[in-house]
């Protein structure tokens, strides 16, 4: 795991990133506005580079929307926000055809899903019918409307938010939709010094409006295309399989991690290597991502609904402790 080649050249990943706006610059740009824990920023970048979607699940007021917006403003691309409500219809998300009296034809008016980064705010407050309208876009980066398949532009990333502690007037996400999210992350409360800066500078009101992009959509796509080439030793592949297999035989779980979940963990680990400026995966990459990538894909025997996410996280943490990692 000591190679530094990219597409057969001797150029290192570090120098390749310097030639283009680096991931580190993207992280720093986001953190000028989002003053919370840096781990949340890193996980969001992992989701972006792995061509995945991220569910940010936390209490109101900790910066979920600011985090998503700061990522979008740091990239020169199209951004849209969908405020999900119980009366929202699938057409409000995907788009509709409108009759044009001049041409005597129907013109398609694209919905907010046709953007590079889409913020689906409070996703559990809309009906299952509207939630399901997002599934094809998340899985295949395309939308089927009126017997026509319309591709979505790359990069395409859905960042959804929800409050896991308030269930009145909400529709919990079913397992098949949760499985479409590469990562489920929590922002958490900021530490005292960061909160002090938030109170003084109010970055969500001022700095966010002044944030300039430091990376283009094409730069992001090049990084995304590089991620699958990141080297992964066979011992790490076996480690991932050991973890996944352990979830399928754990007596505390009804359902373990599926092959799609194992693939998601692999892709996320490769993306994490790029975020940390490496061209190879380490066991620590897998350890850091096992819970964010897999806790929402398993079902605990004490499972009730989304509020039981902590129960599955505790089970996976114990599996992580018991499963030996490669040296």
C-alpha atoms as a PDB file:
ATOM      1  CA  UNK A   1       0.000   0.000   0.000  1.00  0.00           C
ATOM      2  CA  UNK A   2       2.874   2.356  -0.760  1.00  0.00           C
ATOM      3  CA  UNK A   3       2.146   3.262  -4.380  1.00  0.00           C
ATOM      4  CA  UNK A   4       1.639   6.781  -5.594  1.00  0.00           C
ATOM      5  CA  UNK A   5       0.637   6.326  -9.235  1.00  0.00           C
ATOM      6  CA  UNK A   6      -2.375   7.837 -10.892  1.00  0.00           C
ATOM      7  CA  UNK A   7      -3.400   6.263 -14.194  1.00  0.00           C
ATOM      8  CA  UNK A   8       0.076   4.832 -14.699  1.00  0.00           C
ATOM      9  CA  UNK A   9       1.946   8.119 -14.094  1.00  0.00           C
ATOM     10  CA  UNK A  10       4.316   8.961 -11.245  1.00  0.00           C
ATOM     11  CA  UNK A  11       2.271  11.960 -10.208  1.00  0.00           C
ATOM     12  CA  UNK A  12       1.189  11.678  -6.581  1.00  0.00           C
ATOM     13  CA  UNK A  13      -2.319  12.334  -5.383  1.00  0.00           C
ATOM     14  CA  UNK A  14      -1.020  15.337  -3.439  1.00  0.00           C
ATOM     15  CA  UNK A  15       0.497  16.953  -6.532  1.00  0.00           C
ATOM     16  CA  UNK A  16      -2.582  16.069  -8.587  1.00  0.00           C
ATOM     17  CA  UNK A  17      -4.754  17.894  -6.060  1.00  0.00           C
ATOM     18  CA  UNK A  18      -2.430  20.896  -6.065  1.00  0.00           C
ATOM     19  CA  UNK A  19      -2.818  21.159  -9.836  1.00  0.00           C
ATOM     20  CA  UNK A  20      -6.553  21.401  -9.209  1.00  0.00           C
ATOM     21  CA  UNK A  21      -8.343  23.047  -6.260  1.00  0.00           C
ATOM     22  CA  UNK A  22      -7.539  20.664  -3.415  1.00  0.00           C
ATOM     23  CA  UNK A  23      -9.904  18.900  -1.082  1.00  0.00           C
ATOM     24  CA  UNK A  24      -8.140  20.631   1.806  1.00  0.00           C
ATOM     25  CA  UNK A  25      -9.003  24.054   0.357  1.00  0.00           C
ATOM     26  CA  UNK A  26     -12.596  22.931  -0.032  1.00  0.00           C
ATOM     27  CA  UNK A  27     -12.665  21.822   3.602  1.00  0.00           C
ATOM     28  CA  UNK A  28     -11.171  25.113   4.794  1.00  0.00           C
ATOM     29  CA  UNK A  29     -13.655  27.113   2.748  1.00  0.00           C
ATOM     30  CA  UNK A  30     -16.586  25.265   4.325  1.00  0.00           C
ATOM     31  CA  UNK A  31     -15.148  25.728   7.798  1.00  0.00           C
ATOM     32  CA  UNK A  32     -15.057  29.500   7.423  1.00  0.00           C
ATOM     33  CA  UNK A  33     -18.848  29.311   7.703  1.00  0.00           C
ATOM     34  CA  UNK A  34     -19.594  26.028   9.453  1.00  0.00           C
ATOM     35  CA  UNK A  35     -17.909  26.286  12.841  1.00  0.00           C
ATOM     36  CA  UNK A  36     -19.009  22.896  14.172  1.00  0.00           C
ATOM     37  CA  UNK A  37     -17.026  19.671  14.398  1.00  0.00           C
ATOM     38  CA  UNK A  38     -14.625  19.078  11.508  1.00  0.00           C
ATOM     39  CA  UNK A  39     -15.590  15.383  11.418  1.00  0.00           C
ATOM     40  CA  UNK A  40     -19.007  16.345  10.021  1.00  0.00           C
ATOM     41  CA  UNK A  41     -17.298  18.274   7.210  1.00  0.00           C
ATOM     42  CA  UNK A  42     -15.012  15.342   6.427  1.00  0.00           C
ATOM     43  CA  UNK A  43     -17.946  12.926   6.243  1.00  0.00           C
ATOM     44  CA  UNK A  44     -19.842  15.271   3.932  1.00  0.00           C
ATOM     45  CA  UNK A  45     -16.801  15.449   1.642  1.00  0.00           C
ATOM     46  CA  UNK A  46     -16.536  11.654   1.702  1.00  0.00           C
ATOM     47  CA  UNK A  47     -20.138  11.463   0.507  1.00  0.00           C
ATOM     48  CA  UNK A  48     -19.442  13.956  -2.274  1.00  0.00           C
ATOM     49  CA  UNK A  49     -16.306  12.229  -3.581  1.00  0.00           C
ATOM     50  CA  UNK A  50     -17.843   8.744  -3.345  1.00  0.00           C
ATOM     51  CA  UNK A  51     -20.807   9.910  -5.490  1.00  0.00           C
ATOM     52  CA  UNK A  52     -23.107   9.175  -2.572  1.00  0.00           C
ATOM     53  CA  UNK A  53     -25.889  10.951  -0.712  1.00  0.00           C
ATOM     54  CA  UNK A  54     -25.825  12.052   2.899  1.00  0.00           C
ATOM     55  CA  UNK A  55     -28.539  12.148   5.558  1.00  0.00           C
ATOM     56  CA  UNK A  56     -27.766  14.681   8.285  1.00  0.00           C
ATOM     57  CA  UNK A  57     -29.759  13.687  11.328  1.00  0.00           C
ATOM     58  CA  UNK A  58     -29.703  15.942  14.376  1.00  0.00           C
ATOM     59  CA  UNK A  59     -31.697  18.334  16.528  1.00  0.00           C
ATOM     60  CA  UNK A  60     -32.755  21.726  15.106  1.00  0.00           C
ATOM     61  CA  UNK A  61     -30.370  24.626  15.260  1.00  0.00           C
ATOM     62  CA  UNK A  62     -26.980  22.865  15.155  1.00  0.00           C
ATOM     63  CA  UNK A  63     -26.079  23.919  11.595  1.00  0.00           C
ATOM     64  CA  UNK A  64     -27.346  21.120   9.337  1.00  0.00           C
ATOM     65  CA  UNK A  65     -28.585  23.531   6.658  1.00  0.00           C
ATOM     66  CA  UNK A  66     -25.546  25.797   6.970  1.00  0.00           C
ATOM     67  CA  UNK A  67     -23.258  22.790   6.430  1.00  0.00           C
ATOM     68  CA  UNK A  68     -25.068  21.745   3.250  1.00  0.00           C
ATOM     69  CA  UNK A  69     -25.273  25.297   1.904  1.00  0.00           C
ATOM     70  CA  UNK A  70     -21.602  26.007   2.565  1.00  0.00           C
ATOM     71  CA  UNK A  71     -20.637  22.902   0.577  1.00  0.00           C
ATOM     72  CA  UNK A  72     -22.826  23.996  -2.341  1.00  0.00           C
ATOM     73  CA  UNK A  73     -21.475  27.562  -2.308  1.00  0.00           C
ATOM     74  CA  UNK A  74     -17.892  26.269  -2.240  1.00  0.00           C
ATOM     75  CA  UNK A  75     -18.422  24.570  -5.605  1.00  0.00           C
ATOM     76  CA  UNK A  76     -19.266  26.440  -8.788  1.00  0.00           C
ATOM     77  CA  UNK A  77     -22.362  24.408  -9.597  1.00  0.00           C
ATOM     78  CA  UNK A  78     -26.150  24.485  -9.490  1.00  0.00           C
ATOM     79  CA  UNK A  79     -27.715  24.290  -6.038  1.00  0.00           C
ATOM     80  CA  UNK A  80     -31.356  23.919  -5.095  1.00  0.00           C
ATOM     81  CA  UNK A  81     -33.198  23.600  -1.817  1.00  0.00           C
ATOM     82  CA  UNK A  82     -36.434  21.691  -1.338  1.00  0.00           C
ATOM     83  CA  UNK A  83     -38.367  22.451   1.835  1.00  0.00           C
ATOM     84  CA  UNK A  84     -40.267  19.199   2.257  1.00  0.00           C
ATOM     85  CA  UNK A  85     -43.786  19.521   3.669  1.00  0.00           C
ATOM     86  CA  UNK A  86     -46.798  17.187   3.907  1.00  0.00           C
ATOM     87  CA  UNK A  87     -48.541  18.863   0.949  1.00  0.00           C
ATOM     88  CA  UNK A  88     -45.562  18.586  -1.427  1.00  0.00           C
ATOM     89  CA  UNK A  89     -46.222  16.458  -4.530  1.00  0.00           C
ATOM     90  CA  UNK A  90     -43.742  14.429  -6.625  1.00  0.00           C
ATOM     91  CA  UNK A  91     -44.165  16.914  -9.484  1.00  0.00           C
ATOM     92  CA  UNK A  92     -42.995  19.703  -7.193  1.00  0.00           C
ATOM     93  CA  UNK A  93     -39.687  17.852  -6.865  1.00  0.00           C
ATOM     94  CA  UNK A  94     -39.211  16.288 -10.304  1.00  0.00           C
ATOM     95  CA  UNK A  95     -40.922  18.809 -12.566  1.00  0.00           C
ATOM     96  CA  UNK A  96     -44.062  18.969 -14.713  1.00  0.00           C
ATOM     97  CA  UNK A  97     -45.100  19.503 -18.321  1.00  0.00           C
ATOM     98  CA  UNK A  98     -46.900  22.764 -19.025  1.00  0.00           C
ATOM     99  CA  UNK A  99     -48.963  23.395 -22.146  1.00  0.00           C
ATOM    100  CA  UNK A 100     -47.512  26.095 -24.399  1.00  0.00           C
ATOM    101  CA  UNK A 101     -50.324  27.806 -26.276  1.00  0.00           C
ATOM    102  CA  UNK A 102     -47.863  29.288 -28.787  1.00  0.00           C
ATOM    103  CA  UNK A 103     -46.248  26.034 -29.913  1.00  0.00           C
ATOM    104  CA  UNK A 104     -49.318  23.914 -29.125  1.00  0.00           C
ATOM    105  CA  UNK A 105     -47.041  21.504 -27.296  1.00  0.00           C
ATOM    106  CA  UNK A 106     -46.195  20.618 -23.722  1.00  0.00           C
ATOM    107  CA  UNK A 107     -42.949  22.072 -22.375  1.00  0.00           C
ATOM    108  CA  UNK A 108     -41.155  20.334 -19.542  1.00  0.00           C
ATOM    109  CA  UNK A 109     -40.378  22.548 -16.572  1.00  0.00           C
ATOM    110  CA  UNK A 110     -37.590  20.898 -14.594  1.00  0.00           C
ATOM    111  CA  UNK A 111     -38.024  20.640 -10.841  1.00  0.00           C
ATOM    112  CA  UNK A 112     -35.425  21.390  -8.177  1.00  0.00           C
ATOM    113  CA  UNK A 113     -34.047  17.841  -8.395  1.00  0.00           C
ATOM    114  CA  UNK A 114     -32.247  18.950 -11.586  1.00  0.00           C
ATOM    115  CA  UNK A 115     -29.278  20.501  -9.812  1.00  0.00           C
ATOM    116  CA  UNK A 116     -25.805  19.371  -8.826  1.00  0.00           C
ATOM    117  CA  UNK A 117     -26.281  19.627  -5.076  1.00  0.00           C
ATOM    118  CA  UNK A 118     -29.823  19.333  -3.734  1.00  0.00           C
ATOM    119  CA  UNK A 119     -30.737  20.078  -0.129  1.00  0.00           C
ATOM    120  CA  UNK A 120     -33.861  18.167   0.916  1.00  0.00           C
ATOM    121  CA  UNK A 121     -34.690  19.906   4.177  1.00  0.00           C
ATOM    122  CA  UNK A 122     -36.687  17.904   6.746  1.00  0.00           C
ATOM    123  CA  UNK A 123     -37.153  14.935   4.465  1.00  0.00           C
ATOM    124  CA  UNK A 124     -39.279  13.039   6.991  1.00  0.00           C
ATOM    125  CA  UNK A 125     -41.970  15.738   6.926  1.00  0.00           C
ATOM    126  CA  UNK A 126     -43.189  14.842   3.445  1.00  0.00           C
ATOM    127  CA  UNK A 127     -45.340  11.874   2.446  1.00  0.00           C
ATOM    128  CA  UNK A 128     -43.903   8.500   1.372  1.00  0.00           C
ATOM    129  CA  UNK A 129     -45.191   9.187  -2.146  1.00  0.00           C
ATOM    130  CA  UNK A 130     -42.988  12.268  -2.451  1.00  0.00           C
ATOM    131  CA  UNK A 131     -40.088  10.615  -0.641  1.00  0.00           C
ATOM    132  CA  UNK A 132     -40.165   7.785  -3.173  1.00  0.00           C
ATOM    133  CA  UNK A 133     -39.879  10.297  -6.020  1.00  0.00           C
ATOM    134  CA  UNK A 134     -36.271  10.768  -4.939  1.00  0.00           C
ATOM    135  CA  UNK A 135     -35.317   7.069  -5.119  1.00  0.00           C
ATOM    136  CA  UNK A 136     -34.516   6.796  -8.827  1.00  0.00           C
ATOM    137  CA  UNK A 137     -32.542  10.028  -8.770  1.00  0.00           C
ATOM    138  CA  UNK A 138     -30.508   8.828  -5.806  1.00  0.00           C
ATOM    139  CA  UNK A 139     -29.863   5.348  -7.196  1.00  0.00           C
ATOM    140  CA  UNK A 140     -29.312   5.968 -10.898  1.00  0.00           C
ATOM    141  CA  UNK A 141     -28.744   9.728 -11.296  1.00  0.00           C
ATOM    142  CA  UNK A 142     -31.735   9.955 -13.599  1.00  0.00           C
ATOM    143  CA  UNK A 143     -35.440  10.737 -13.425  1.00  0.00           C
ATOM    144  CA  UNK A 144     -38.272   9.027 -15.345  1.00  0.00           C
ATOM    145  CA  UNK A 145     -41.156  11.383 -16.080  1.00  0.00           C
ATOM    146  CA  UNK A 146     -44.000  10.794 -18.549  1.00  0.00           C
ATOM    147  CA  UNK A 147     -42.278   7.781 -20.135  1.00  0.00           C
ATOM    148  CA  UNK A 148     -39.068   9.725 -20.699  1.00  0.00           C
ATOM    149  CA  UNK A 149     -35.799   9.189 -18.832  1.00  0.00           C
ATOM    150  CA  UNK A 150     -33.939  12.400 -18.117  1.00  0.00           C
ATOM    151  CA  UNK A 151     -30.332  12.130 -16.872  1.00  0.00           C
ATOM    152  CA  UNK A 152     -29.099  14.322 -14.045  1.00  0.00           C
ATOM    153  CA  UNK A 153     -25.907  16.312 -14.494  1.00  0.00           C
ATOM    154  CA  UNK A 154     -22.757  15.270 -12.668  1.00  0.00           C
ATOM    155  CA  UNK A 155     -21.904  15.782  -9.947  1.00  0.00           C
ATOM    156  CA  UNK A 156     -25.240  14.995  -8.349  1.00  0.00           C
ATOM    157  CA  UNK A 157     -25.576  14.806  -4.582  1.00  0.00           C
ATOM    158  CA  UNK A 158     -28.624  14.852  -2.335  1.00  0.00           C
ATOM    159  CA  UNK A 159     -28.094  16.154   1.185  1.00  0.00           C
ATOM    160  CA  UNK A 160     -31.166  15.479   3.328  1.00  0.00           C
ATOM    161  CA  UNK A 161     -31.826  16.636   6.876  1.00  0.00           C
ATOM    162  CA  UNK A 162     -34.176  15.410   9.544  1.00  0.00           C
ATOM    163  CA  UNK A 163     -34.795  15.720  13.279  1.00  0.00           C
ATOM    164  CA  UNK A 164     -34.611  12.222  14.837  1.00  0.00           C
ATOM    165  CA  UNK A 165     -36.327  13.191  18.091  1.00  0.00           C
ATOM    166  CA  UNK A 166     -39.598  14.765  16.947  1.00  0.00           C
ATOM    167  CA  UNK A 167     -42.100  12.440  15.284  1.00  0.00           C
ATOM    168  CA  UNK A 168     -45.393  14.336  15.361  1.00  0.00           C
ATOM    169  CA  UNK A 169     -46.385  15.156  11.791  1.00  0.00           C
ATOM    170  CA  UNK A 170     -43.551  13.138  10.253  1.00  0.00           C
ATOM    171  CA  UNK A 171     -43.294  10.086   7.986  1.00  0.00           C
ATOM    172  CA  UNK A 172     -40.336   7.915   8.921  1.00  0.00           C
ATOM    173  CA  UNK A 173     -38.032   6.830   6.131  1.00  0.00           C
ATOM    174  CA  UNK A 174     -38.418   3.140   5.195  1.00  0.00           C
ATOM    175  CA  UNK A 175     -35.370   0.893   5.055  1.00  0.00           C
ATOM    176  CA  UNK A 176     -35.192   0.884   1.255  1.00  0.00           C
ATOM    177  CA  UNK A 177     -34.902   4.672   1.200  1.00  0.00           C
ATOM    178  CA  UNK A 178     -32.430   4.842   4.079  1.00  0.00           C
ATOM    179  CA  UNK A 179     -30.304   2.350   2.146  1.00  0.00           C
ATOM    180  CA  UNK A 180     -29.932   4.895  -0.684  1.00  0.00           C
ATOM    181  CA  UNK A 181     -27.939   7.182   1.603  1.00  0.00           C
ATOM    182  CA  UNK A 182     -24.233   6.440   1.607  1.00  0.00           C
ATOM    183  CA  UNK A 183     -23.808   8.015   5.041  1.00  0.00           C
ATOM    184  CA  UNK A 184     -25.966   9.075   7.943  1.00  0.00           C
ATOM    185  CA  UNK A 185     -24.159  11.639  10.053  1.00  0.00           C
ATOM    186  CA  UNK A 186     -24.804  13.819  13.083  1.00  0.00           C
ATOM    187  CA  UNK A 187     -23.524  17.364  13.451  1.00  0.00           C
ATOM    188  CA  UNK A 188     -23.591  17.521  17.252  1.00  0.00           C
ATOM    189  CA  UNK A 189     -23.312  20.561  19.479  1.00  0.00           C
ATOM    190  CA  UNK A 190     -20.230  22.747  18.882  1.00  0.00           C
ATOM    191  CA  UNK A 191     -17.609  23.071  21.591  1.00  0.00           C
ATOM    192  CA  UNK A 192     -17.601  26.186  23.773  1.00  0.00           C
ATOM    193  CA  UNK A 193     -14.962  28.110  21.802  1.00  0.00           C
ATOM    194  CA  UNK A 194     -16.697  27.419  18.474  1.00  0.00           C
ATOM    195  CA  UNK A 195     -20.056  28.476  19.896  1.00  0.00           C
ATOM    196  CA  UNK A 196     -18.433  31.660  21.193  1.00  0.00           C
ATOM    197  CA  UNK A 197     -17.319  32.457  17.613  1.00  0.00           C
ATOM    198  CA  UNK A 198     -20.799  31.640  16.309  1.00  0.00           C
ATOM    199  CA  UNK A 199     -22.389  34.120  18.702  1.00  0.00           C
ATOM    200  CA  UNK A 200     -19.924  36.863  17.757  1.00  0.00           C
ATOM    201  CA  UNK A 201     -19.736  36.397  13.985  1.00  0.00           C
ATOM    202  CA  UNK A 202     -23.134  34.847  13.125  1.00  0.00           C
ATOM    203  CA  UNK A 203     -21.592  33.114  10.068  1.00  0.00           C
ATOM    204  CA  UNK A 204     -24.902  31.710   8.837  1.00  0.00           C
ATOM    205  CA  UNK A 205     -26.118  35.266   8.164  1.00  0.00           C
ATOM    206  CA  UNK A 206     -22.983  37.020   6.994  1.00  0.00           C
ATOM    207  CA  UNK A 207     -20.123  34.751   5.912  1.00  0.00           C
ATOM    208  CA  UNK A 208     -22.403  32.313   4.042  1.00  0.00           C
ATOM    209  CA  UNK A 209     -23.559  35.049   1.643  1.00  0.00           C
ATOM    210  CA  UNK A 210     -19.943  36.026   0.954  1.00  0.00           C
ATOM    211  CA  UNK A 211     -18.618  32.512   0.421  1.00  0.00           C
ATOM    212  CA  UNK A 212     -16.928  32.116  -2.971  1.00  0.00           C
ATOM    213  CA  UNK A 213     -16.513  28.848  -4.891  1.00  0.00           C
ATOM    214  CA  UNK A 214     -13.006  27.431  -4.961  1.00  0.00           C
ATOM    215  CA  UNK A 215     -13.745  24.311  -7.017  1.00  0.00           C
ATOM    216  CA  UNK A 216     -15.681  23.734 -10.228  1.00  0.00           C
ATOM    217  CA  UNK A 217     -18.129  20.943 -10.970  1.00  0.00           C
ATOM    218  CA  UNK A 218     -15.569  19.507 -13.389  1.00  0.00           C
ATOM    219  CA  UNK A 219     -12.961  19.387 -10.603  1.00  0.00           C
ATOM    220  CA  UNK A 220     -15.392  17.416  -8.440  1.00  0.00           C
ATOM    221  CA  UNK A 221     -16.121  14.959 -11.246  1.00  0.00           C
ATOM    222  CA  UNK A 222     -12.391  14.367 -11.793  1.00  0.00           C
ATOM    223  CA  UNK A 223     -11.951  13.596  -8.101  1.00  0.00           C
ATOM    224  CA  UNK A 224     -14.992  11.303  -8.145  1.00  0.00           C
ATOM    225  CA  UNK A 225     -13.562   9.414 -11.125  1.00  0.00           C
ATOM    226  CA  UNK A 226     -10.252   9.021  -9.313  1.00  0.00           C
ATOM    227  CA  UNK A 227     -11.757   7.549  -6.113  1.00  0.00           C
ATOM    228  CA  UNK A 228     -12.389   4.002  -7.501  1.00  0.00           C
ATOM    229  CA  UNK A 229      -8.691   3.753  -8.429  1.00  0.00           C
ATOM    230  CA  UNK A 230      -7.532   4.286  -4.820  1.00  0.00           C
ATOM    231  CA  UNK A 231      -5.607   1.197  -3.763  1.00  0.00           C
ATOM    232  CA  UNK A 232      -7.140  -1.167  -1.236  1.00  0.00           C
ATOM    233  CA  UNK A 233      -5.089  -4.050   0.123  1.00  0.00           C
ATOM    234  CA  UNK A 234      -6.770  -7.447   0.122  1.00  0.00           C
ATOM    235  CA  UNK A 235      -6.433  -7.574   3.919  1.00  0.00           C
ATOM    236  CA  UNK A 236      -8.671  -4.512   4.184  1.00  0.00           C
ATOM    237  CA  UNK A 237     -11.223  -6.075   1.838  1.00  0.00           C
ATOM    238  CA  UNK A 238     -11.264  -9.125   4.110  1.00  0.00           C
ATOM    239  CA  UNK A 239     -11.664  -6.826   7.130  1.00  0.00           C
ATOM    240  CA  UNK A 240     -14.740  -5.231   5.544  1.00  0.00           C
ATOM    241  CA  UNK A 241     -16.160  -8.690   4.846  1.00  0.00           C
ATOM    242  CA  UNK A 242     -15.508  -9.725   8.465  1.00  0.00           C
ATOM    243  CA  UNK A 243     -17.420  -6.699   9.760  1.00  0.00           C
ATOM    244  CA  UNK A 244     -20.313  -7.225   7.365  1.00  0.00           C
ATOM    245  CA  UNK A 245     -20.504 -10.936   8.158  1.00  0.00           C
ATOM    246  CA  UNK A 246     -20.573 -10.170  11.880  1.00  0.00           C
ATOM    247  CA  UNK A 247     -23.669  -7.976  11.456  1.00  0.00           C
ATOM    248  CA  UNK A 248     -25.487 -10.833   9.717  1.00  0.00           C
ATOM    249  CA  UNK A 249     -24.919 -13.231  12.606  1.00  0.00           C
ATOM    250  CA  UNK A 250     -25.360 -10.881  15.545  1.00  0.00           C
ATOM    251  CA  UNK A 251     -28.307 -11.946  17.718  1.00  0.00           C
ATOM    252  CA  UNK A 252     -29.205  -8.312  18.429  1.00  0.00           C
ATOM    253  CA  UNK A 253     -29.969  -7.579  14.779  1.00  0.00           C
ATOM    254  CA  UNK A 254     -32.870  -8.679  12.587  1.00  0.00           C
ATOM    255  CA  UNK A 255     -31.080  -7.603   9.401  1.00  0.00           C
ATOM    256  CA  UNK A 256     -27.371  -7.253   8.782  1.00  0.00           C
ATOM    257  CA  UNK A 257     -25.481  -5.210   6.217  1.00  0.00           C
ATOM    258  CA  UNK A 258     -26.346  -6.118   2.617  1.00  0.00           C
ATOM    259  CA  UNK A 259     -23.831  -6.489  -0.235  1.00  0.00           C
ATOM    260  CA  UNK A 260     -24.829  -2.979  -1.319  1.00  0.00           C
ATOM    261  CA  UNK A 261     -23.914  -1.778   2.155  1.00  0.00           C
ATOM    262  CA  UNK A 262     -20.543  -3.527   1.946  1.00  0.00           C
ATOM    263  CA  UNK A 263     -19.911  -1.871  -1.411  1.00  0.00           C
ATOM    264  CA  UNK A 264     -20.901   1.493   0.046  1.00  0.00           C
ATOM    265  CA  UNK A 265     -18.407   1.032   2.893  1.00  0.00           C
ATOM    266  CA  UNK A 266     -15.694   0.203   0.362  1.00  0.00           C
ATOM    267  CA  UNK A 267     -16.443   3.265  -1.760  1.00  0.00           C
ATOM    268  CA  UNK A 268     -16.623   5.519   1.291  1.00  0.00           C
ATOM    269  CA  UNK A 269     -13.262   4.233   2.571  1.00  0.00           C
ATOM    270  CA  UNK A 270     -11.645   4.993  -0.792  1.00  0.00           C
ATOM    271  CA  UNK A 271     -13.136   8.485  -0.757  1.00  0.00           C
ATOM    272  CA  UNK A 272     -11.884   8.998   2.810  1.00  0.00           C
ATOM    273  CA  UNK A 273      -8.365   8.230   1.635  1.00  0.00           C
ATOM    274  CA  UNK A 274      -8.639  11.048  -0.918  1.00  0.00           C
ATOM    275  CA  UNK A 275     -10.049  13.413   1.707  1.00  0.00           C
ATOM    276  CA  UNK A 276      -7.005  12.636   3.863  1.00  0.00           C
ATOM    277  CA  UNK A 277      -4.644  13.098   0.880  1.00  0.00           C
ATOM    278  CA  UNK A 278      -3.705   9.450   0.409  1.00  0.00           C
ATOM    279  CA  UNK A 279      -3.936   7.092  -2.563  1.00  0.00           C
ATOM    280  CA  UNK A 280      -4.475   3.982  -0.418  1.00  0.00           C
ATOM    281  CA  UNK A 281      -7.029   2.877   2.186  1.00  0.00           C
ATOM    282  CA  UNK A 282      -6.058   2.188   5.802  1.00  0.00           C
ATOM    283  CA  UNK A 283      -7.948   0.164   8.443  1.00  0.00           C
ATOM    284  CA  UNK A 284      -8.692   3.429  10.254  1.00  0.00           C
ATOM    285  CA  UNK A 285     -10.659   4.642   7.225  1.00  0.00           C
ATOM    286  CA  UNK A 286     -12.915   1.604   7.531  1.00  0.00           C
ATOM    287  CA  UNK A 287     -13.261   1.975  11.307  1.00  0.00           C
ATOM    288  CA  UNK A 288     -14.247   5.652  11.076  1.00  0.00           C
ATOM    289  CA  UNK A 289     -16.888   4.971   8.426  1.00  0.00           C
ATOM    290  CA  UNK A 290     -18.367   1.667   9.602  1.00  0.00           C
ATOM    291  CA  UNK A 291     -21.053   3.252  11.799  1.00  0.00           C
ATOM    292  CA  UNK A 292     -21.917   6.291   9.600  1.00  0.00           C
ATOM    293  CA  UNK A 293     -22.112   4.010   6.575  1.00  0.00           C
ATOM    294  CA  UNK A 294     -23.860   0.961   8.067  1.00  0.00           C
ATOM    295  CA  UNK A 295     -25.901   1.871  11.170  1.00  0.00           C
ATOM    296  CA  UNK A 296     -28.906   2.948   9.074  1.00  0.00           C
ATOM    297  CA  UNK A 297     -28.739  -0.227   6.960  1.00  0.00           C
ATOM    298  CA  UNK A 298     -29.275  -2.707   9.786  1.00  0.00           C
ATOM    299  CA  UNK A 299     -32.388  -3.343  11.862  1.00  0.00           C
ATOM    300  CA  UNK A 300     -32.171  -3.909  15.602  1.00  0.00           C
ATOM    301  CA  UNK A 301     -34.528  -6.317  17.358  1.00  0.00           C
ATOM    302  CA  UNK A 302     -35.532  -3.376  19.549  1.00  0.00           C
ATOM    303  CA  UNK A 303     -36.189  -1.315  16.406  1.00  0.00           C
ATOM    304  CA  UNK A 304     -39.217   0.996  16.498  1.00  0.00           C
ATOM    305  CA  UNK A 305     -38.461   3.669  13.912  1.00  0.00           C
ATOM    306  CA  UNK A 306     -35.753   6.241  13.170  1.00  0.00           C
ATOM    307  CA  UNK A 307     -35.409   7.046  16.860  1.00  0.00           C
ATOM    308  CA  UNK A 308     -33.683   3.693  17.396  1.00  0.00           C
ATOM    309  CA  UNK A 309     -30.616   4.746  15.408  1.00  0.00           C
ATOM    310  CA  UNK A 310     -28.573   4.870  18.614  1.00  0.00           C
ATOM    311  CA  UNK A 311     -29.377   1.210  19.313  1.00  0.00           C
ATOM    312  CA  UNK A 312     -27.920   0.042  15.995  1.00  0.00           C
ATOM    313  CA  UNK A 313     -24.897   2.294  16.446  1.00  0.00           C
ATOM    314  CA  UNK A 314     -24.157   0.661  19.802  1.00  0.00           C
ATOM    315  CA  UNK A 315     -24.403  -2.807  18.266  1.00  0.00           C
ATOM    316  CA  UNK A 316     -22.042  -1.885  15.437  1.00  0.00           C
ATOM    317  CA  UNK A 317     -19.610  -0.293  17.875  1.00  0.00           C
ATOM    318  CA  UNK A 318     -19.394  -3.559  19.814  1.00  0.00           C
ATOM    319  CA  UNK A 319     -18.839  -5.461  16.547  1.00  0.00           C
ATOM    320  CA  UNK A 320     -16.089  -3.016  15.658  1.00  0.00           C
ATOM    321  CA  UNK A 321     -14.366  -3.631  18.978  1.00  0.00           C
ATOM    322  CA  UNK A 322     -14.564  -7.430  18.689  1.00  0.00           C
ATOM    323  CA  UNK A 323     -13.444  -7.716  15.040  1.00  0.00           C
ATOM    324  CA  UNK A 324      -9.639  -7.652  14.673  1.00  0.00           C
ATOM    325  CA  UNK A 325      -8.304  -5.159  12.150  1.00  0.00           C
ATOM    326  CA  UNK A 326      -5.385  -5.921   9.832  1.00  0.00           C
ATOM    327  CA  UNK A 327      -2.004  -4.475  10.732  1.00  0.00           C
END
